[in-house]
């Protein structure tokens, strides 16, 4: 029993073939696949720049330059 507990983490966890071919396992695998794609799409969308509405050229009423006599 103790030897099995020491060897199992190195070998990995294996399920019987009957479980891997069951319907509920296929549903679970499909859910995990869709969930992974959703989080991938959200991560890529978060990396993209935010779209900003275009309102034309904005002209300031006052200059913000360090030279107060410069063009507005």
Protein backbone atom coordinates (compact mmCIF):
# COMPACT_ATOMS: atom_id res chain seq x y z
CA UNK A 1 0.00 0.00 0.00
CA UNK A 2 2.73 2.46 0.93
CA UNK A 3 4.81 1.46 -2.08
CA UNK A 4 1.83 2.12 -4.36
CA UNK A 5 1.39 5.59 -2.86
CA UNK A 6 5.03 6.37 -3.60
CA UNK A 7 5.01 5.06 -7.17
CA UNK A 8 1.61 6.43 -8.28
CA UNK A 9 2.64 10.13 -8.47
CA UNK A 10 5.57 9.26 -10.72
CA UNK A 11 3.52 7.11 -13.10
CA UNK A 12 0.46 9.36 -13.21
CA UNK A 13 -3.17 8.54 -12.59
CA UNK A 14 -4.66 6.06 -15.04
CA UNK A 15 -8.37 5.37 -15.41
CA UNK A 16 -9.87 2.13 -16.65
CA UNK A 17 -10.85 2.04 -20.31
CA UNK A 18 -14.52 1.54 -19.42
CA UNK A 19 -14.59 4.97 -17.75
CA UNK A 20 -12.79 6.67 -20.63
CA UNK A 21 -15.40 5.41 -23.13
CA UNK A 22 -18.44 6.29 -20.99
CA UNK A 23 -20.94 8.98 -22.00
CA UNK A 24 -20.51 11.16 -18.91
CA UNK A 25 -16.74 11.28 -19.46
CA UNK A 26 -17.29 12.45 -23.06
CA UNK A 27 -19.63 15.19 -21.79
CA UNK A 28 -17.06 16.22 -19.21
CA UNK A 29 -14.30 16.29 -21.84
CA UNK A 30 -16.48 18.42 -24.14
CA UNK A 31 -17.22 20.85 -21.28
CA UNK A 32 -13.51 21.18 -20.48
CA UNK A 33 -12.72 21.78 -24.17
CA UNK A 34 -15.36 24.52 -24.53
CA UNK A 35 -14.28 26.09 -21.24
CA UNK A 36 -10.65 26.15 -22.39
CA UNK A 37 -11.56 27.80 -25.70
CA UNK A 38 -13.69 30.39 -23.89
CA UNK A 39 -10.89 31.37 -21.53
CA UNK A 40 -8.42 31.46 -24.43
CA UNK A 41 -10.71 33.85 -26.33
CA UNK A 42 -11.11 36.04 -23.23
CA UNK A 43 -7.34 36.17 -22.71
CA UNK A 44 -6.72 37.14 -26.34
CA UNK A 45 -9.50 39.77 -26.18
CA UNK A 46 -7.91 41.25 -23.07
CA UNK A 47 -4.61 41.66 -24.92
CA UNK A 48 -6.22 43.60 -27.78
CA UNK A 49 -6.46 47.40 -27.58
CA UNK A 50 -9.85 48.82 -26.73
CA UNK A 51 -11.75 50.30 -29.68
CA UNK A 52 -12.28 54.04 -29.32
CA UNK A 53 -14.97 56.04 -31.06
CA UNK A 54 -13.67 58.40 -33.71
CA UNK A 55 -14.95 61.96 -33.30
CA UNK A 56 -12.70 63.80 -35.71
CA UNK A 57 -9.90 66.17 -34.77
CA UNK A 58 -10.19 67.73 -31.32
CA UNK A 59 -8.79 71.26 -31.01
CA UNK A 60 -7.98 72.53 -27.53
CA UNK A 61 -9.15 75.96 -26.49
CA UNK A 62 -5.93 76.60 -24.53
CA UNK A 63 -2.36 75.64 -25.18
CA UNK A 64 -0.83 73.02 -22.92
CA UNK A 65 2.70 73.72 -24.04
CA UNK A 66 5.53 74.93 -21.84
CA UNK A 67 5.71 77.87 -24.26
CA UNK A 68 2.57 79.94 -23.50
CA UNK A 69 2.88 82.00 -26.68
CA UNK A 70 2.96 78.91 -28.95
CA UNK A 71 0.14 77.91 -31.34
CA UNK A 72 -3.06 76.56 -29.84
